[in-house]
Amino acid sequence: MMKQDDLTLVRNLPMFAKVTESQLASLAVRGSLQRYPRGTLLFQEGDGADFLMVLLEGGVELFARDQGGTEAVVETLFPVDSFILAAALTGAPYLMSARTLMPSRVLLLDADIFRTAVAADPDLSAPVMAELAQHFRRLVRQIKDLKLRTGVQRLGCYVLGLAGGADEVQLPFDKRTLASRLGMTAENLSRALSALRDHGLSVQGNRLLIQDRERLTAFSRPDPLIDAPEGRLSLRGE
């Protein structure tokens, strides 16, 4: 049985905002609420999509491997967020693997029950469509980031986005994960951090200090269509 606090967290996802407590309980009847230590492999690419997963606490990285075993981080997620929604809806195999970045709490919703509920309930199907649109736009923004910028500019924009209005940033994960997320090797990330010292950024381990925001912004050239926070989407008429 889910606790009321867990129910409140789940409702932070717009696609569950209109679902009643009894409907949510029905969605979770064959699911479970799990705690995982850091570094737990949740599933592997190619596996069948048995669950829709909702991250309630912690952090998760979605990654892929080539045939030689080299990994690339596709996305990093923090609460509250769903992941692998498209696979859960279609029953298609996972295109990515998932691993916890830190101790995490994840709600697993049975994919068959979820698909049936989405097909039957417009109060769920419309927000799910909006959530899929959100995931699509997130990936397009990431592709533009990778294609249109140098590695050093990607890092600068990432730091500025993470910092918001603050002048100090604590990286939420290790530099290996950051490098992979930005499409860089660890060596290239180290060189990029060194390069940004000439553009107003000071590096102290996992702490990054913005000492000259104007210079860092002028060099990195953030783009609102890529970097500006995007609010939750909803279908027109909802």
Protein backbone atom coordinates (compact mmCIF):
# COMPACT_ATOMS: atom_id res chain seq x y z
CA MET A 1 0.00 0.00 0.00
CA MET A 2 1.38 3.41 -0.97
CA LYS A 3 1.74 5.98 1.80
CA GLN A 4 0.02 9.35 1.46
CA ASP A 5 3.40 11.09 1.10
CA ASP A 6 4.25 8.79 -1.83
CA LEU A 7 0.88 9.51 -3.41
CA THR A 8 1.57 13.24 -3.15
CA LEU A 9 4.95 12.77 -4.86
CA VAL A 10 3.40 10.78 -7.70
CA ARG A 11 0.82 13.53 -8.23
CA ASN A 12 3.67 15.94 -8.94
CA LEU A 13 3.70 14.30 -12.36
CA PRO A 14 1.05 16.09 -14.45
CA MET A 15 -0.04 12.83 -16.09
CA PHE A 16 -1.27 11.59 -12.70
CA ALA A 17 -2.70 14.90 -11.48
CA LYS A 18 -6.35 14.03 -12.27
CA VAL A 19 -6.21 10.35 -11.33
CA THR A 20 -8.16 9.51 -8.17
CA GLU A 21 -6.61 7.69 -5.25
CA SER A 22 -8.54 4.52 -6.10
CA GLN A 23 -7.46 4.72 -9.77
CA LEU A 24 -3.83 5.16 -8.72
CA ALA A 25 -4.15 2.21 -6.37
CA SER A 26 -5.49 0.16 -9.31
CA LEU A 27 -2.50 1.20 -11.41
CA ALA A 28 -0.16 0.07 -8.64
CA VAL A 29 -1.93 -3.21 -7.82
CA ARG A 30 0.71 -5.33 -9.58
CA GLY A 31 3.44 -2.78 -9.09
CA SER A 32 5.77 -2.04 -6.22
CA LEU A 33 7.69 0.74 -4.50
CA GLN A 34 11.37 -0.16 -4.41
CA ARG A 35 14.52 1.24 -2.81
CA TYR A 36 17.79 0.75 -4.68
CA PRO A 37 21.38 1.46 -3.66
CA ARG A 38 23.69 3.50 -5.85
CA GLY A 39 24.86 1.73 -8.98
CA THR A 40 21.86 -0.62 -9.29
CA LEU A 41 21.08 -1.66 -12.86
CA LEU A 42 17.30 -1.27 -13.18
CA PHE A 43 17.02 -2.76 -16.67
CA GLN A 44 19.09 -3.25 -19.81
CA GLU A 45 18.49 -2.07 -23.36
CA GLY A 46 16.70 -4.77 -25.31
CA ASP A 47 14.71 -5.99 -22.30
CA GLY A 48 10.94 -6.12 -22.59
CA ALA A 49 9.14 -3.16 -21.04
CA ASP A 50 7.35 -4.71 -18.09
CA PHE A 51 6.99 -1.51 -16.05
CA LEU A 52 6.59 2.22 -16.23
CA MET A 53 9.04 3.64 -13.70
CA VAL A 54 8.55 6.80 -11.64
CA LEU A 55 11.56 8.22 -9.82
CA LEU A 56 10.48 9.52 -6.41
CA GLU A 57 13.87 9.98 -4.72
CA GLY A 58 17.50 9.89 -5.83
CA GLY A 59 18.78 9.98 -9.39
CA VAL A 60 18.93 7.73 -12.46
CA GLU A 61 21.09 7.72 -15.58
CA LEU A 62 19.80 6.35 -18.88
CA PHE A 63 22.67 5.04 -20.98
CA ALA A 64 23.50 2.91 -24.01
CA ARG A 65 26.46 0.72 -24.99
CA ASP A 66 28.02 0.00 -28.34
CA GLN A 67 29.10 -3.50 -29.35
CA GLY A 68 32.52 -2.91 -27.85
CA GLY A 69 31.05 -2.07 -24.45
CA THR A 70 31.65 1.69 -24.55
CA GLU A 71 28.92 3.54 -22.64
CA ALA A 72 27.24 6.86 -23.39
CA VAL A 73 24.86 8.59 -20.99
CA VAL A 74 21.74 9.70 -22.86
CA GLU A 75 19.91 11.41 -19.99
CA THR A 76 20.11 12.00 -16.26
CA LEU A 77 16.89 12.18 -14.25
CA PHE A 78 15.96 13.55 -10.85
CA PRO A 79 12.65 13.48 -8.93
CA VAL A 80 9.89 13.53 -9.70
CA ASP A 81 10.01 12.09 -13.21
CA SER A 82 8.84 9.10 -15.21
CA PHE A 83 11.11 7.25 -17.58
CA ILE A 84 10.80 4.83 -20.48
CA LEU A 85 7.22 6.00 -21.01
CA ALA A 86 7.18 5.23 -24.75
CA ALA A 87 8.35 1.64 -24.21
CA ALA A 88 5.80 1.11 -21.41
CA LEU A 89 2.99 2.35 -23.66
CA THR A 90 3.93 0.31 -26.73
CA GLY A 91 5.49 -2.80 -25.21
CA ALA A 92 8.56 -2.25 -27.38
CA PRO A 93 11.99 -3.21 -25.98
CA TYR A 94 13.90 -0.63 -23.96
CA LEU A 95 16.27 1.38 -26.18
CA MET A 96 18.42 2.35 -23.18
CA SER A 97 19.61 0.88 -19.92
CA ALA A 98 18.98 2.53 -16.55
CA ARG A 99 21.17 2.70 -13.45
CA THR A 100 20.83 4.56 -10.17
CA LEU A 101 23.25 7.45 -9.62
CA MET A 102 22.62 7.45 -5.87
CA PRO A 103 20.32 5.65 -3.41
CA SER A 104 16.93 5.94 -5.04
CA ARG A 105 13.26 5.15 -4.55
CA VAL A 106 11.36 4.09 -7.67
CA LEU A 107 7.69 3.28 -8.20
CA LEU A 108 7.18 0.41 -10.67
CA LEU A 109 3.79 0.39 -12.40
CA ASP A 110 2.79 -2.69 -14.36
CA ALA A 111 2.94 -1.76 -18.06
CA ASP A 112 -0.07 -3.87 -19.11
CA ILE A 113 -2.31 -2.27 -16.48
CA PHE A 114 -0.96 1.18 -17.36
CA ARG A 115 -1.66 0.71 -21.09
CA THR A 116 -5.21 -0.46 -20.39
CA ALA A 117 -5.87 2.52 -18.11
CA VAL A 118 -4.48 5.02 -20.64
CA ALA A 119 -6.68 3.59 -23.41
CA ALA A 120 -9.82 3.75 -21.23
CA ASP A 121 -9.48 7.03 -19.34
CA PRO A 122 -9.18 10.42 -21.11
CA ASP A 123 -8.18 12.02 -17.79
CA LEU A 124 -5.05 9.88 -18.04
CA SER A 125 -4.54 9.59 -21.80
CA ALA A 126 -4.39 13.35 -22.51
CA PRO A 127 -1.74 14.07 -19.82
CA VAL A 128 0.24 11.01 -20.98
CA MET A 129 0.31 12.47 -24.51
CA ALA A 130 1.59 15.75 -23.06
CA GLU A 131 4.26 13.86 -21.10
CA LEU A 132 5.41 12.10 -24.28
CA ALA A 133 5.63 15.49 -25.99
CA GLN A 134 7.75 16.74 -23.08
CA HIS A 135 10.15 13.81 -23.42
CA PHE A 136 10.39 14.36 -27.19
CA ARG A 137 11.18 18.06 -26.79
CA ARG A 138 13.78 17.27 -24.12
CA LEU A 139 15.60 14.97 -26.54
CA VAL A 140 15.41 17.48 -29.41
CA ARG A 141 16.94 20.14 -27.17
CA GLN A 142 19.71 17.71 -26.25
CA ILE A 143 20.39 16.86 -29.91
CA LYS A 144 20.64 20.57 -30.76
CA ASP A 145 23.04 21.02 -27.85
CA LEU A 146 25.27 18.20 -29.16
CA LYS A 147 25.14 19.22 -32.83
CA LEU A 148 25.42 23.01 -32.63
CA ARG A 149 28.04 23.58 -29.94
CA THR A 150 31.60 22.69 -29.12
CA GLY A 151 32.22 20.55 -26.06
CA VAL A 152 33.51 23.56 -24.11
CA GLN A 153 30.38 25.57 -24.96
CA ARG A 154 28.14 22.64 -23.96
CA LEU A 155 29.89 22.49 -20.61
CA GLY A 156 29.60 26.25 -20.10
CA CYS A 157 25.88 26.22 -20.87
CA TYR A 158 25.35 23.21 -18.63
CA VAL A 159 27.08 24.99 -15.72
CA LEU A 160 25.06 28.17 -16.27
CA GLY A 161 21.82 26.18 -16.38
CA LEU A 162 22.68 24.20 -13.28
CA ALA A 163 23.67 27.33 -11.37
CA GLY A 164 20.58 29.38 -12.20
CA GLY A 165 21.13 32.67 -10.43
CA ALA A 166 23.78 31.30 -8.04
CA ASP A 167 27.52 31.69 -8.46
CA GLU A 168 28.45 28.27 -7.09
CA VAL A 169 27.55 24.86 -8.51
CA GLN A 170 27.90 21.46 -6.87
CA LEU A 171 27.85 18.75 -9.53
CA PRO A 172 25.00 16.31 -8.81
CA PHE A 173 27.05 13.31 -10.02
CA ASP A 174 30.63 12.34 -10.80
CA LYS A 175 32.62 13.79 -13.68
CA ARG A 176 32.52 10.50 -15.61
CA THR A 177 28.74 10.79 -15.82
CA LEU A 178 28.94 14.50 -16.69
CA ALA A 179 31.42 13.84 -19.50
CA SER A 180 29.27 11.09 -21.00
CA ARG A 181 26.10 13.18 -20.66
CA LEU A 182 27.77 16.01 -22.59
CA GLY A 183 29.08 13.67 -25.31
CA MET A 184 32.71 13.97 -24.20
CA THR A 185 35.51 11.75 -22.96
CA ALA A 186 36.82 12.25 -19.43
CA GLU A 187 40.01 13.71 -20.91
CA ASN A 188 38.05 16.18 -23.05
CA LEU A 189 35.99 17.20 -20.02
CA SER A 190 39.16 17.92 -18.07
CA ARG A 191 40.47 20.06 -20.92
CA ALA A 192 37.11 21.84 -21.21
CA LEU A 193 37.12 22.68 -17.50
CA SER A 194 40.62 24.07 -17.87
CA ALA A 195 39.57 26.12 -20.91
CA LEU A 196 36.65 27.65 -19.02
CA ARG A 197 39.04 29.01 -16.40
CA ASP A 198 39.89 31.64 -19.03
CA HIS A 199 36.20 32.50 -19.33
CA GLY A 200 35.20 33.14 -15.73
CA LEU A 201 34.86 29.64 -14.21
CA SER A 202 36.89 28.34 -11.26
CA VAL A 203 37.02 24.58 -10.59
CA GLN A 204 37.47 23.12 -7.12
CA GLY A 205 36.84 19.37 -7.34
CA ASN A 206 33.09 18.95 -7.82
CA ARG A 207 32.50 22.61 -6.91
CA LEU A 208 32.35 25.06 -9.80
CA LEU A 209 32.50 28.78 -9.04
CA ILE A 210 31.25 31.33 -11.56
CA GLN A 211 33.61 34.24 -11.06
CA ASP A 212 32.67 36.22 -14.17
CA ARG A 213 29.16 35.39 -15.37
CA GLU A 214 29.28 37.92 -18.22
CA ARG A 215 32.43 36.37 -19.71
CA LEU A 216 31.16 32.81 -19.26
CA THR A 217 27.83 33.68 -20.88
CA ALA A 218 29.47 35.52 -23.79
CA PHE A 219 31.68 32.53 -24.52
CA SER A 220 29.11 29.76 -24.01
CA ARG A 221 26.26 31.56 -25.82
CA PRO A 222 23.24 29.96 -24.15
CA ASP A 223 20.15 29.68 -26.36
CA PRO A 224 16.67 29.98 -24.78
CA LEU A 225 15.31 27.31 -27.14
CA ILE A 226 17.88 24.85 -25.78
CA ASP A 227 18.70 26.03 -22.28
CA ALA A 228 15.76 27.91 -20.80
CA PRO A 229 13.69 25.87 -18.33
CA GLU A 230 10.57 24.60 -20.03
CA GLY A 231 7.43 24.36 -17.97
CA ARG A 232 5.23 21.29 -18.01
CA LEU A 233 3.31 20.93 -21.25
CA SER A 234 -0.42 20.29 -21.54
CA LEU A 235 -2.68 19.68 -24.51
CA ARG A 236 -4.68 22.70 -25.61
CA GLY A 237 -8.19 22.55 -24.22
CA GLU A 238 -7.18 20.55 -21.14
